[in-house]
Structure formats: C-alpha cells, structure tokens
C-alpha cells in the first residue's frame, strides 16, 4: 500500500482540475500523459479500485461523502484520507516501495491539525466551527486626523503693518518686489493664509510663481490673531477698502500688478481696476459680484451681524459662511467642509468679521457697462484690462459671475465655470492653475508649465509692442520665435508657415 502523500504530490503537479480529468472516462489510459510531472511512485501501475472507478472519481466521491457530514474542517481531512486508503490499492516496484516506506517510517507523524494564526485560520476556513457570526459596527470613528490645515506655516512671506487713512492693515510679501507682482485679496471669514496659502503651495502653482512677487492684502482686523477693533472704530466701506490698495502699492513702490481676488476681494479689486486702470495689468476674479446686495442676502446678513457684533459665532452664521464659500456643500469635499467649519467656529474674531460683513452688504454697484463702440469706450466706466472670471458649478454665485461677465468687454474677458466643486481654488486647484498659466501667457508673460516649456525665464514680461507683433504674425500664419538676449531686449525671428 503506497502512502496517500505520494498521490497528493502527483495530483498537485497536474495542470488539469479534477472535474476536467474525471470527465474523460473514455480515455483513462492517456489520463496521466497530460500531467506536467511523471515522478509519482508507481504512477504507471495504478490499479483500478475495487468498485471499478477511476482514481479521480474515487477522490471526488470521497470528498463529496465527507462534505455531506458535519465534521469540522480539521477532521474532514483525516476522513478523506481514510476513504482513499480504503478505496485504492496501488502496486509499486518493491525496491522503490521499501525505500519510500522506510522514509515514511523514519519521518515524524503528520499532525492532525495545522498550526496557523487565528486570522489565517479564519480566512482558510480551518476554525473549529465553520459558522460565521454577523457583526455590526456602531459608533466607529476614524483615528486619522485631517491633513488639511488652515494654520499659517510661514510660506506666505513676511508680514508688515501699513498705515492707511482708514486704519492699519496687515500685508504679507513673498519675493522681490522688483519682479512682476501678483496682489491678492481674500473673501469673507478668511484671510491671506486661509484663502491662499494652500493654493499657492500647489506644486504647479509654485512653479509658475517662482519668479513673481506675491503681495497678500488683509482687510482691517481680519488677519490671523487680530485683536478686536476699538469700540468707536468706523469700518471702511468697500470703496474705501479699494483705496487701501493704493497705500499698499505706494508703500512697496509697485508700478502695476496682477490682481487675484475671491468673493469680497474680487469686488474690491474690480473697483480698484475700474478707478485706476493703468495700475492693473490683469485680473483673476473668483465669484465676483458687480451689483449691490439683494434683499435675501441683506436680511440673512443683518441677522448674522447682530450676533457677530456681540462676539457670538452662532450655528446659523457658520452655516451661512459655509454656504457662501461652498454653495451645495453636500456635493463638495466633506473633509474640506469640516476643516472650514472648525475654522469658522473656533478661529475667527466674530466682532471684526461682523464689521466686514456689514461693509460688504452695504456695497454699491460697480457701475460698469459693456461698450462695443471703440469711439465711446474712452467715455464710459468700464474695466479696461483682461479679466479671467471664474466660478464653480456648486457655487451660489454663478448668476453673479454671469451678470458681471455681461458687463465686461467681450474682447477682454473670459468666463470659466469649473465642474464638481464649490470652493474652487481648494477643491480643483489643478484646473485653476492651468487656466491661470494660460491666462498669464495670453498677457505676454512667458511662463513654463506642466504641458509646455518656454525658452524665456518665468516672469519675464513681453512688451506691448512685442505682443502686438506676435498677434500680427499669428494672423499672417507666420511662426514667431521669441528669445531673451543679454541686454533684456527681445529678438524676433520669423519664418513663413504657408507650406509647413
């Protein structure tokens, strides 16, 4: 009698399943030729079992007989082996048999059960009981904290306090002010850190801004850790807040800048660009409103202001701020919503915010118009620089941005709605960065990005005459190569593309 271990070793080396092989009952003589190995002991001397079935049919019958029983998984193995020993008799070469059986006798006895860990045993089904209990998890909380933080990390630059005719304001500067400048202004309930820090740390954005100077302007009393404004302090109006930008420009001796504003900040920068068109090269405005507050907004905010001025941040006020930034917040990134909720509940100076909100709902209309007649443009109030007007499909300010875009010169404006987000610069920074990069290239700034490389250094400005030359060559289907020469002038070389 040969050991069943040798049979199992042979079976384990076969490429065919038991079902496939057992169905070939008419070709049992060639059954073993399909095996990937012929090192079985006495493989050619298999005898038919005493009931006349093939070996594989015997294995299937034994396993089926045992599976109908109620034995545990460990005992089933022993029963299967016992069934096989009863069914099969295998003749083998005497010399080989003695050698093999001698090795079996000298070896240790096979354990009745395999020692495995509890986890492995449960996965392999070798637990004493095959019954599984249903487990319901309740009150399970994640132990991993949110990776997104609104606290300052120093990447926004050094802070300075600038005195204006409307009180002191805090400004953060990053980079050399002799380089092209990007000036930012934040939204309600935020400051330069909470509004722009994460966005400007986005890898592609950092590549674009490496040769720009960034100037962050905070509204009075809105910077991180700001003390409560004095009792008799008269908060500046939106028009007066735009005038504080002039103080910042003069303090740092800025010739002009690119404005980047969100919400309230977008309205302020639009006012400034309307009043001082020569000081603004371009504007990137997110959720900009060009009209005065409506009755619903005025009513909600008046109720919030009453609590804020008393130093109380109510749940209603927090919900309104979340709506202002996210819109349909149930459709937005919930981790981000949670981070901003915690910030509004714990980190804001409620009294100072109440004064800013009161100023925002008292805003006046921008008074700008769309004038398409070139002869009349110089006599009307309008924004005369390029404007990138951005919103999100979950934002509550879509209609405001559409109205604002309808009042802009169509040759100078681009309206962009980004899908699947509410707080666009935090939820979809990659899309905003790509739009910003292309916008800067359209203004004559040679910026390198993830898709294209440029031979000109980041931040070097193409003069207006060169930009006109580029447009002229493009219309004539000519390719213009712009290269920076040591004396900071631009050399233009053209080649005809008619036959390219």
Protein backbone atom coordinates (compact mmCIF):
# COMPACT_ATOMS: atom_id res chain seq x y z
CA UNK A 1 0.00 0.00 0.00
CA UNK A 2 1.51 3.30 -1.00
CA UNK A 3 1.15 6.44 1.04
CA UNK A 4 -1.54 8.86 0.03
CA UNK A 5 1.06 11.64 0.33
CA UNK A 6 2.73 10.50 -2.88
CA UNK A 7 -0.61 10.55 -4.66
CA UNK A 8 -1.38 14.07 -3.43
CA UNK A 9 2.07 15.23 -4.55
CA UNK A 10 1.39 13.95 -8.02
CA UNK A 11 -2.03 15.50 -8.18
CA UNK A 12 -0.69 18.86 -7.06
CA UNK A 13 1.64 18.92 -10.08
CA UNK A 14 -1.15 18.45 -12.63
CA UNK A 15 -2.36 21.33 -14.74
CA UNK A 16 -5.87 19.82 -15.01
CA UNK A 17 -8.67 20.10 -12.48
CA UNK A 18 -10.37 17.02 -11.09
CA UNK A 19 -13.58 17.90 -12.87
CA UNK A 20 -11.83 18.08 -16.24
CA UNK A 21 -9.93 14.85 -15.79
CA UNK A 22 -12.74 12.85 -14.27
CA UNK A 23 -14.98 13.62 -17.22
CA UNK A 24 -12.54 11.90 -19.58
CA UNK A 25 -13.74 8.44 -18.56
CA UNK A 26 -13.30 7.03 -22.06
CA UNK A 27 -9.62 7.92 -22.19
CA UNK A 28 -8.27 6.76 -18.85
CA UNK A 29 -5.20 5.16 -20.42
CA UNK A 30 -3.98 8.54 -21.65
CA UNK A 31 -5.00 10.34 -18.50
CA UNK A 32 -1.58 10.55 -16.96
CA UNK A 33 0.13 11.76 -20.14
CA UNK A 34 -1.47 15.19 -19.56
CA UNK A 35 0.30 15.60 -16.24
CA UNK A 36 3.16 18.07 -16.02
CA UNK A 37 5.18 15.57 -14.00
CA UNK A 38 5.80 11.80 -14.02
CA UNK A 39 7.66 11.41 -10.79
CA UNK A 40 4.83 9.65 -8.93
CA UNK A 41 5.68 6.42 -7.23
CA UNK A 42 4.25 3.61 -9.34
CA UNK A 43 2.27 6.08 -11.45
CA UNK A 44 2.08 3.60 -14.33
CA UNK A 45 1.00 0.81 -12.00
CA UNK A 46 -2.25 2.36 -10.79
CA UNK A 47 -4.83 -0.37 -10.38
CA UNK A 48 -8.47 0.17 -10.68
CA UNK A 49 -10.21 0.50 -7.41
CA UNK A 50 -12.29 -2.36 -6.14
CA UNK A 51 -15.50 -0.74 -7.36
CA UNK A 52 -14.06 -0.19 -10.86
CA UNK A 53 -13.99 3.64 -10.79
CA UNK A 54 -11.04 5.78 -11.89
CA UNK A 55 -8.75 7.30 -9.19
CA UNK A 56 -10.13 10.76 -9.79
CA UNK A 57 -13.70 9.58 -9.47
CA UNK A 58 -12.74 7.99 -6.16
CA UNK A 59 -11.32 11.28 -4.88
CA UNK A 60 -14.44 13.14 -5.88
CA UNK A 61 -16.70 10.54 -4.29
CA UNK A 62 -14.69 10.60 -1.06
CA UNK A 63 -14.76 14.37 -0.83
CA UNK A 64 -18.47 14.51 -1.62
CA UNK A 65 -19.24 11.86 1.03
CA UNK A 66 -17.31 13.76 3.70
CA UNK A 67 -18.67 17.19 2.73
CA UNK A 68 -22.18 15.93 3.46
CA UNK A 69 -21.15 15.15 7.01
CA UNK A 70 -20.98 17.53 9.92
CA UNK A 71 -17.33 17.11 10.80
CA UNK A 72 -15.08 20.07 11.42
CA UNK A 73 -12.62 21.19 8.75
CA UNK A 74 -9.68 19.54 10.52
CA UNK A 75 -11.43 16.17 10.88
CA UNK A 76 -12.62 16.22 7.27
CA UNK A 77 -9.07 15.90 6.02
CA UNK A 78 -8.49 12.73 8.05
CA UNK A 79 -11.78 11.21 6.84
CA UNK A 80 -10.90 11.92 3.20
CA UNK A 81 -7.55 10.21 3.60
CA UNK A 82 -9.20 7.26 5.28
CA UNK A 83 -11.71 6.92 2.46
CA UNK A 84 -8.97 6.99 -0.12
CA UNK A 85 -6.92 4.32 1.69
CA UNK A 86 -9.99 2.07 1.73
CA UNK A 87 -10.73 2.56 -1.96
CA UNK A 88 -7.29 2.32 -3.56
CA UNK A 89 -4.64 -0.40 -3.76
CA UNK A 90 -1.53 0.61 -5.61
CA UNK A 91 1.21 -1.78 -6.64
CA UNK A 92 4.71 -0.37 -6.96
CA UNK A 93 8.21 -1.52 -7.57
CA UNK A 94 9.36 -3.45 -4.47
CA UNK A 95 12.73 -1.73 -4.23
CA UNK A 96 11.23 1.73 -4.60
CA UNK A 97 8.46 0.83 -2.22
CA UNK A 98 10.82 -0.30 0.51
CA UNK A 99 12.92 2.84 0.15
CA UNK A 100 9.89 5.11 0.21
CA UNK A 101 8.15 3.33 3.09
CA UNK A 102 11.39 3.35 5.05
CA UNK A 103 11.50 7.11 4.75
CA UNK A 104 7.89 7.35 5.85
CA UNK A 105 8.53 5.24 8.93
CA UNK A 106 11.55 7.32 9.92
CA UNK A 107 9.69 10.60 9.47
CA UNK A 108 7.64 12.20 12.15
CA UNK A 109 3.93 11.63 12.32
CA UNK A 110 1.86 14.19 10.42
CA UNK A 111 0.00 16.44 12.86
CA UNK A 112 -3.74 16.10 12.94
CA UNK A 113 -4.13 19.88 12.66
CA UNK A 114 -2.03 22.67 11.17
CA UNK A 115 -0.82 25.42 13.47
CA UNK A 116 -1.90 28.71 11.92
CA UNK A 117 -2.74 32.10 13.30
CA UNK A 118 -6.33 32.96 14.12
CA UNK A 119 -6.53 35.38 11.18
CA UNK A 120 -5.18 32.82 8.71
CA UNK A 121 -7.40 30.14 10.12
CA UNK A 122 -10.49 32.28 9.69
CA UNK A 123 -9.53 33.06 6.11
CA UNK A 124 -8.73 29.44 5.25
CA UNK A 125 -11.80 28.06 6.97
CA UNK A 126 -9.89 25.90 9.49
CA UNK A 127 -11.58 27.22 12.59
CA UNK A 128 -13.21 24.64 14.87
CA UNK A 129 -16.58 25.93 13.74
CA UNK A 130 -17.43 26.97 10.21
CA UNK A 131 -20.34 29.12 11.34
CA UNK A 132 -19.79 32.87 10.92
CA UNK A 133 -21.39 35.42 13.15
CA UNK A 134 -22.69 38.69 11.69
CA UNK A 135 -21.02 41.69 13.30
CA UNK A 136 -22.46 45.20 13.20
CA UNK A 137 -20.06 48.09 13.69
CA UNK A 138 -21.51 51.02 15.54
CA UNK A 139 -20.05 54.37 16.58
CA UNK A 140 -16.83 53.76 14.64
CA UNK A 141 -14.70 56.88 14.24
CA UNK A 142 -11.56 57.45 12.19
CA UNK A 143 -8.45 57.97 14.27
CA UNK A 144 -6.62 59.73 11.39
CA UNK A 145 -6.77 63.49 11.68
CA UNK A 146 -7.46 65.79 8.71
CA UNK A 147 -4.29 66.52 6.76
CA UNK A 148 -5.65 69.89 5.55
CA UNK A 149 -4.82 72.72 7.90
CA UNK A 150 -5.68 76.42 7.81
CA UNK A 151 -2.92 77.44 10.21
CA UNK A 152 -0.05 79.61 8.99
CA UNK A 153 3.19 77.82 8.05
CA UNK A 154 5.29 80.83 7.01
CA UNK A 155 5.15 80.16 3.26
CA UNK A 156 3.14 83.32 2.54
CA UNK A 157 6.13 85.54 3.34
CA UNK A 158 6.94 88.23 5.87
CA UNK A 159 4.14 90.34 7.32
CA UNK A 160 4.13 94.12 7.58
CA UNK A 161 1.68 96.61 9.02
CA UNK A 162 0.88 99.55 6.74
CA UNK A 163 -0.86 102.67 7.97
CA UNK A 164 -3.70 103.94 5.80
CA UNK A 165 -6.23 106.75 6.16
CA UNK A 166 -8.71 104.05 7.23
CA UNK A 167 -6.53 102.41 9.86
CA UNK A 168 -3.67 99.89 9.84
CA UNK A 169 -3.78 96.82 7.62
CA UNK A 170 -1.57 93.74 7.57
CA UNK A 171 0.23 92.81 4.33
CA UNK A 172 2.35 89.72 3.64
CA UNK A 173 5.06 89.84 0.96
CA UNK A 174 6.84 86.90 -0.62
CA UNK A 175 9.59 87.55 -3.16
CA UNK A 176 11.36 90.55 -4.65
CA UNK A 177 9.04 93.50 -5.32
CA UNK A 178 11.12 94.42 -8.39
CA UNK A 179 9.67 91.35 -10.13
CA UNK A 180 6.16 91.21 -11.63
CA UNK A 181 3.66 91.39 -8.79
CA UNK A 182 0.54 89.35 -8.06
CA UNK A 183 -1.66 91.06 -5.45
CA UNK A 184 -4.32 89.02 -3.66
CA UNK A 185 -7.40 89.94 -1.64
CA UNK A 186 -9.36 87.41 0.43
CA UNK A 187 -13.05 86.59 0.92
CA UNK A 188 -15.44 86.84 3.89
CA UNK A 189 -14.41 84.91 7.02
CA UNK A 190 -10.92 84.28 5.63
CA UNK A 191 -7.55 86.00 5.42
CA UNK A 192 -4.49 85.70 3.21
CA UNK A 193 -3.42 82.47 4.94
CA UNK A 194 -6.70 80.57 4.99
CA UNK A 195 -7.69 81.72 1.50
CA UNK A 196 -4.46 81.45 -0.50
CA UNK A 197 -1.77 79.52 1.37
CA UNK A 198 -2.76 76.02 0.24
CA UNK A 199 -3.46 77.14 -3.33
CA UNK A 200 -0.12 78.86 -3.75
CA UNK A 201 1.65 75.80 -2.31
CA UNK A 202 0.15 73.62 -5.03
CA UNK A 203 3.20 72.22 -6.94
CA UNK A 204 2.26 73.54 -10.40
CA UNK A 205 1.36 76.93 -8.92
CA UNK A 206 4.73 77.15 -7.17
CA UNK A 207 6.47 76.53 -10.50
CA UNK A 208 4.56 79.37 -12.11
CA UNK A 209 5.13 81.83 -9.24
CA UNK A 210 8.84 81.15 -8.72
CA UNK A 211 9.80 84.44 -10.44
CA UNK A 212 6.85 86.54 -9.30
CA UNK A 213 6.43 88.62 -6.18
CA UNK A 214 3.29 87.86 -4.18
CA UNK A 215 1.63 90.57 -2.09
CA UNK A 216 -1.26 89.47 0.16
CA UNK A 217 -3.56 92.22 1.47
CA UNK A 218 -5.81 91.70 4.51
CA UNK A 219 -8.88 93.74 5.33
CA UNK A 220 -8.63 95.61 8.67
CA UNK A 221 -8.92 93.24 11.64
CA UNK A 222 -9.13 90.05 9.55
CA UNK A 223 -5.55 88.78 9.83
CA UNK A 224 -4.77 85.75 11.96
CA UNK A 225 -4.74 86.58 15.68
CA UNK A 226 -6.02 90.12 15.12
CA UNK A 227 -7.16 91.99 18.25
CA UNK A 228 -10.73 93.23 18.48
CA UNK A 229 -11.15 96.59 16.80
CA UNK A 230 -11.85 99.55 19.11
CA UNK A 231 -15.42 100.35 20.07
CA UNK A 232 -15.61 103.63 18.13
CA UNK A 233 -13.83 102.36 15.02
CA UNK A 234 -15.65 103.17 11.79
CA UNK A 235 -15.07 100.34 9.38
CA UNK A 236 -14.23 101.46 5.81
CA UNK A 237 -16.71 100.99 3.01
CA UNK A 238 -15.97 98.78 0.01
CA UNK A 239 -14.85 101.84 -1.97
CA UNK A 240 -12.57 102.87 0.88
CA UNK A 241 -11.17 99.33 1.15
CA UNK A 242 -10.20 99.56 -2.50
CA UNK A 243 -8.35 102.78 -1.70
CA UNK A 244 -6.19 100.92 0.82
CA UNK A 245 -4.75 99.00 -2.13
CA UNK A 246 -3.31 102.31 -3.33
CA UNK A 247 -1.49 102.66 0.00
CA UNK A 248 -0.02 99.18 -0.41
CA UNK A 249 1.08 99.98 -3.98
CA UNK A 250 2.78 103.19 -2.91
CA UNK A 251 4.40 101.60 0.14
CA UNK A 252 6.16 98.94 -1.91
CA UNK A 253 6.69 101.23 -4.95
CA UNK A 254 4.80 98.92 -7.28
CA UNK A 255 4.36 100.10 -10.86
CA UNK A 256 1.46 97.75 -11.57
CA UNK A 257 0.21 94.33 -10.55
CA UNK A 258 -1.94 91.35 -11.48
CA UNK A 259 -4.95 91.16 -9.16
CA UNK A 260 -6.20 87.86 -7.73
CA UNK A 261 -9.37 88.19 -5.66
CA UNK A 262 -12.03 85.87 -4.27
CA UNK A 263 -15.59 86.94 -3.39
CA UNK A 264 -15.34 90.13 -1.37
CA UNK A 265 -11.73 90.54 -2.50
CA UNK A 266 -12.75 90.18 -6.14
CA UNK A 267 -15.25 93.03 -5.74
CA UNK A 268 -12.59 95.25 -4.14
CA UNK A 269 -10.03 94.61 -6.88
CA UNK A 270 -12.66 95.17 -9.59
CA UNK A 271 -13.42 98.56 -8.02
CA UNK A 272 -9.75 99.44 -7.95
CA UNK A 273 -9.21 98.40 -11.58
CA UNK A 274 -12.18 100.50 -12.66
CA UNK A 275 -10.81 103.55 -10.90
CA UNK A 276 -7.10 103.05 -11.68
CA UNK A 277 -6.90 101.16 -14.99
CA UNK A 278 -3.22 101.92 -15.55
CA UNK A 279 -2.20 100.25 -12.26
CA UNK A 280 -3.70 96.84 -13.05
CA UNK A 281 -2.25 94.58 -15.74
CA UNK A 282 -4.87 91.84 -15.44
CA UNK A 283 -7.46 90.44 -13.03
CA UNK A 284 -8.28 86.90 -11.90
CA UNK A 285 -11.60 87.10 -10.06
CA UNK A 286 -13.39 84.19 -8.38
CA UNK A 287 -17.13 84.51 -7.61
CA UNK A 288 -17.17 88.24 -8.25
CA UNK A 289 -20.38 90.20 -7.73
CA UNK A 290 -20.77 93.52 -9.56
CA UNK A 291 -24.15 94.51 -8.15
CA UNK A 292 -25.39 95.63 -4.76
CA UNK A 293 -26.70 93.10 -2.24
CA UNK A 294 -30.17 91.67 -2.80
CA UNK A 295 -32.93 91.63 -0.19
CA UNK A 296 -32.42 87.97 0.77
CA UNK A 297 -28.67 88.42 1.25
CA UNK A 298 -29.22 91.66 3.13
CA UNK A 299 -31.75 90.03 5.50
CA UNK A 300 -29.62 86.97 6.28
CA UNK A 301 -26.51 89.05 6.85
CA UNK A 302 -28.26 91.58 9.07
CA UNK A 303 -29.29 88.73 11.38
CA UNK A 304 -25.74 87.38 11.39
CA UNK A 305 -24.25 90.81 12.06
CA UNK A 306 -26.36 91.20 15.20
CA UNK A 307 -24.80 88.08 16.71
CA UNK A 308 -21.28 88.75 15.38
CA UNK A 309 -21.09 92.24 16.86
CA UNK A 310 -21.98 90.71 20.21
CA UNK A 311 -18.97 88.41 19.82
CA UNK A 312 -21.06 85.27 19.23
CA UNK A 313 -20.49 82.84 16.36
CA UNK A 314 -23.82 81.06 16.04
CA UNK A 315 -24.56 77.87 14.13
CA UNK A 316 -26.63 79.88 11.67
CA UNK A 317 -23.72 82.20 10.95
CA UNK A 318 -21.36 79.27 10.40
CA UNK A 319 -23.85 77.62 8.05
CA UNK A 320 -24.19 80.86 6.10
CA UNK A 321 -20.43 81.19 5.71
CA UNK A 322 -20.19 77.60 4.52
CA UNK A 323 -22.97 78.29 2.02
CA UNK A 324 -21.17 81.46 0.87
CA UNK A 325 -17.96 79.52 0.12
CA UNK A 326 -19.21 76.07 -0.92
CA UNK A 327 -22.81 76.52 -2.04
CA UNK A 328 -24.14 72.94 -2.28
CA UNK A 329 -21.80 71.69 0.40
CA UNK A 330 -23.32 68.20 0.46
CA UNK A 331 -21.87 67.81 -3.06
CA UNK A 332 -18.44 69.14 -2.08
CA UNK A 333 -15.42 67.61 -0.37
CA UNK A 334 -16.71 66.80 3.12
CA UNK A 335 -13.28 66.76 4.73
CA UNK A 336 -12.70 70.28 3.47
CA UNK A 337 -16.12 71.39 4.66
CA UNK A 338 -15.32 70.03 8.13
CA UNK A 339 -12.00 71.89 8.25
CA UNK A 340 -13.63 75.19 7.32
CA UNK A 341 -16.49 74.63 9.78
CA UNK A 342 -13.99 74.17 12.59
CA UNK A 343 -12.14 77.30 11.48
CA UNK A 344 -15.29 79.42 11.46
CA UNK A 345 -16.38 78.10 14.86
CA UNK A 346 -13.09 78.48 16.73
CA UNK A 347 -10.57 80.70 14.93
CA UNK A 348 -12.46 83.82 13.90
CA UNK A 349 -12.77 87.13 15.68
CA UNK A 350 -16.54 87.44 15.49
CA UNK A 351 -16.69 91.19 16.23
CA UNK A 352 -14.21 92.12 13.48
CA UNK A 353 -15.95 89.81 11.00
CA UNK A 354 -19.30 91.44 11.78
CA UNK A 355 -17.90 94.85 10.78
CA UNK A 356 -16.57 93.48 7.49
CA UNK A 357 -19.84 91.70 6.67
CA UNK A 358 -21.76 94.92 7.35
CA UNK A 359 -19.50 96.77 4.93
CA UNK A 360 -19.96 94.08 2.27
CA UNK A 361 -23.76 94.08 2.31
CA UNK A 362 -23.70 97.90 2.01
CA UNK A 363 -21.66 97.71 -1.18
CA UNK A 364 -22.67 99.83 -4.13
CA UNK A 365 -22.98 98.74 -7.74
CA UNK A 366 -19.72 98.82 -9.71
CA UNK A 367 -21.41 100.97 -12.33
CA UNK A 368 -19.56 99.40 -15.23
CA UNK A 369 -21.05 98.90 -18.68
CA UNK A 370 -20.24 96.94 -21.82
CA UNK A 371 -19.48 99.36 -24.63
CA UNK A 372 -18.66 97.85 -28.02
CA UNK A 373 -18.24 101.11 -29.93
CA UNK A 374 -14.49 101.93 -29.95
CA UNK A 375 -15.24 105.66 -30.19
CA UNK A 376 -17.32 105.61 -27.00
CA UNK A 377 -15.18 103.31 -24.82
CA UNK A 378 -13.00 106.12 -23.52
CA UNK A 379 -16.02 107.98 -22.14
CA UNK A 380 -17.67 105.17 -20.18
CA UNK A 381 -16.87 103.47 -16.88
CA UNK A 382 -15.53 100.00 -17.61
CA UNK A 383 -12.75 97.57 -16.70
CA UNK A 384 -10.05 98.01 -19.32
CA UNK A 385 -7.74 95.10 -18.50
CA UNK A 386 -8.01 91.40 -19.26
CA UNK A 387 -10.28 89.57 -16.79
CA UNK A 388 -10.45 85.85 -16.02
CA UNK A 389 -13.86 85.38 -14.39
CA UNK A 390 -14.05 82.02 -12.53
CA UNK A 391 -16.83 80.21 -10.69
CA UNK A 392 -17.83 76.63 -9.82
CA UNK A 393 -20.94 74.65 -10.65
CA UNK A 394 -21.83 74.16 -6.94
CA UNK A 395 -21.16 77.82 -6.08
CA UNK A 396 -24.09 80.06 -5.07
CA UNK A 397 -22.55 82.94 -7.05
CA UNK A 398 -22.89 81.61 -10.60
CA UNK A 399 -25.56 84.16 -11.54
CA UNK A 400 -23.44 86.99 -10.11
CA UNK A 401 -20.49 85.98 -12.28
CA UNK A 402 -22.72 85.72 -15.37
CA UNK A 403 -24.10 89.22 -14.72
CA UNK A 404 -20.59 90.53 -14.15
CA UNK A 405 -19.34 88.92 -17.36
CA UNK A 406 -22.20 90.55 -19.28
CA UNK A 407 -20.91 93.96 -18.22
CA UNK A 408 -17.35 93.35 -19.40
CA UNK A 409 -15.81 93.96 -22.79
CA UNK A 410 -16.08 90.55 -24.54
CA UNK A 411 -12.64 91.06 -26.11
CA UNK A 412 -11.11 91.41 -22.64
CA UNK A 413 -13.00 88.84 -20.58
CA UNK A 414 -13.09 85.08 -20.17
CA UNK A 415 -15.81 83.35 -18.12
CA UNK A 416 -14.99 79.92 -16.74
CA UNK A 417 -17.15 77.51 -14.73
CA UNK A 418 -15.38 74.53 -13.18
CA UNK A 419 -17.34 71.35 -12.58
CA UNK A 420 -17.75 69.17 -9.46
CA UNK A 421 -16.63 71.69 -6.83
CA UNK A 422 -17.81 74.66 -4.78
CA UNK A 423 -14.71 76.23 -3.20
CA UNK A 424 -12.90 76.17 -6.49
CA UNK A 425 -9.29 77.09 -5.60
CA UNK A 426 -9.23 74.47 -2.84
CA UNK A 427 -11.25 71.68 -4.46
CA UNK A 428 -9.94 72.00 -8.02
CA UNK A 429 -6.57 73.76 -7.76
CA UNK A 430 -5.11 71.95 -10.77
CA UNK A 431 -7.79 73.31 -13.12
CA UNK A 432 -7.45 76.85 -11.76
CA UNK A 433 -3.65 76.72 -12.06
CA UNK A 434 -3.81 75.58 -15.68
CA UNK A 435 -6.28 78.36 -16.52
CA UNK A 436 -4.11 80.89 -14.69
CA UNK A 437 -0.99 79.73 -16.58
CA UNK A 438 -2.67 80.11 -19.95
CA UNK A 439 -4.10 83.46 -18.87
CA UNK A 440 -0.63 84.75 -17.98
CA UNK A 441 0.73 83.56 -21.31
CA UNK A 442 -2.05 85.45 -23.05
CA UNK A 443 -0.95 88.63 -21.24
CA UNK A 444 2.59 88.28 -22.55
CA UNK A 445 4.14 86.54 -19.54
CA UNK A 446 6.37 83.69 -20.65
CA UNK A 447 5.57 81.07 -18.03
CA UNK A 448 6.54 77.44 -18.11
CA UNK A 449 4.11 74.78 -17.00
CA UNK A 450 3.42 71.09 -16.97
CA UNK A 451 2.35 70.94 -20.61
CA UNK A 452 4.74 73.28 -22.36
CA UNK A 453 8.21 74.57 -21.74
CA UNK A 454 9.42 78.05 -22.62
CA UNK A 455 12.81 79.34 -23.66
CA UNK A 456 12.18 82.53 -21.73
CA UNK A 457 12.55 82.71 -17.95
CA UNK A 458 9.42 82.57 -15.87
CA UNK A 459 8.09 86.01 -15.08
CA UNK A 460 9.89 87.94 -17.83
CA UNK A 461 7.38 90.28 -19.47
CA UNK A 462 6.97 90.60 -23.21
CA UNK A 463 6.48 94.33 -24.01
CA UNK A 464 3.23 95.51 -25.54
CA UNK A 465 4.82 96.12 -28.93
CA UNK A 466 6.14 92.57 -28.97
CA UNK A 467 2.75 91.16 -28.05
CA UNK A 468 1.22 93.05 -30.96
CA UNK A 469 3.89 91.71 -33.27
CA UNK A 470 3.12 88.18 -32.14
CA UNK A 471 -0.57 88.60 -32.83
CA UNK A 472 0.17 90.12 -36.25
CA UNK A 473 2.45 87.24 -37.20
CA UNK A 474 -0.14 84.73 -36.00
CA UNK A 475 -2.80 86.27 -38.23
CA UNK A 476 -0.40 86.05 -41.19
CA UNK A 477 0.24 82.36 -40.45
CA UNK A 478 3.83 83.05 -39.53
CA UNK A 479 5.72 81.47 -36.63
CA UNK A 480 7.49 83.87 -34.28
CA UNK A 481 10.36 82.73 -32.11
CA UNK A 482 10.93 84.88 -29.04
CA UNK A 483 14.32 84.67 -27.34
CA UNK A 484 15.70 86.66 -24.42
CA UNK A 485 19.05 88.31 -25.17
CA UNK A 486 21.54 89.52 -22.51
CA UNK A 487 20.52 93.17 -22.65
CA UNK A 488 16.92 92.22 -21.73
CA UNK A 489 15.60 93.10 -25.17
CA UNK A 490 13.65 90.69 -27.33
CA UNK A 491 14.79 89.50 -30.72
CA UNK A 492 12.13 88.35 -33.15
CA UNK A 493 12.86 85.89 -35.91
CA UNK A 494 10.09 84.82 -38.25
CA UNK A 495 9.62 82.06 -40.75
CA UNK A 496 6.81 81.55 -43.22
CA UNK A 497 4.46 78.67 -42.38
CA UNK A 498 2.38 78.73 -45.55
CA UNK A 499 3.95 75.48 -46.76
CA UNK A 500 4.56 73.88 -43.36
